[in-house]
């Protein structure tokens, strides 16, 4: 079996932050990181993919 893995994702770049009325955000920019991981294994003998 041969195994491989990959990570696919995005980093957003929002310009404004939401906060309740009496509060003020402490940061000027908030980055959102979202990733998904993919794993696969394949048998070279019979081509079975897992």
Protein backbone atom coordinates (compact mmCIF):
# COMPACT_ATOMS: atom_id res chain seq x y z
CA UNK A 1 0.00 0.00 0.00
CA UNK A 2 1.13 3.52 -0.80
CA UNK A 3 -0.28 6.41 1.23
CA UNK A 4 -0.62 10.11 0.42
CA UNK A 5 -2.19 13.09 2.15
CA UNK A 6 -3.13 16.62 1.14
CA UNK A 7 -4.49 19.77 2.76
CA UNK A 8 -6.83 22.10 0.89
CA UNK A 9 -7.89 25.38 2.41
CA UNK A 10 -8.45 29.08 2.29
CA UNK A 11 -7.57 32.14 4.35
CA UNK A 12 -10.20 34.84 4.26
CA UNK A 13 -9.37 38.53 4.58
CA UNK A 14 -12.39 40.30 6.11
CA UNK A 15 -12.17 44.06 6.55
CA UNK A 16 -14.74 44.60 9.31
CA UNK A 17 -15.50 42.80 12.57
CA UNK A 18 -18.85 42.58 14.30
CA UNK A 19 -19.15 43.21 18.04
CA UNK A 20 -22.04 43.97 20.41
CA UNK A 21 -22.90 47.67 20.82
CA UNK A 22 -20.91 48.56 23.97
CA UNK A 23 -17.80 46.60 22.95
CA UNK A 24 -15.08 47.55 20.50
CA UNK A 25 -12.97 44.86 18.72
CA UNK A 26 -9.35 44.72 19.87
CA UNK A 27 -7.97 43.74 16.43
CA UNK A 28 -8.21 45.57 13.12
CA UNK A 29 -8.12 42.43 10.98
CA UNK A 30 -9.28 38.89 11.67
CA UNK A 31 -8.12 36.01 9.48
CA UNK A 32 -10.31 32.92 9.15
CA UNK A 33 -8.49 29.75 8.26
CA UNK A 34 -10.50 26.80 6.97
CA UNK A 35 -8.86 23.56 5.91
CA UNK A 36 -9.94 20.10 4.83
CA UNK A 37 -7.59 17.13 4.84
CA UNK A 38 -7.68 14.29 2.33
CA UNK A 39 -5.99 10.93 2.90
CA UNK A 40 -5.76 8.03 0.48
CA UNK A 41 -3.99 4.70 0.22
CA UNK A 42 -3.71 2.57 -2.91
CA UNK A 43 -2.51 -0.97 -3.49
CA UNK A 44 -0.26 -1.15 -6.57
CA UNK A 45 -0.90 -4.88 -6.90
CA UNK A 46 -4.65 -4.71 -7.55
CA UNK A 47 -5.42 -0.96 -7.66
CA UNK A 48 -7.70 -0.94 -4.60
CA UNK A 49 -8.15 2.63 -3.30
CA UNK A 50 -8.95 3.26 0.35
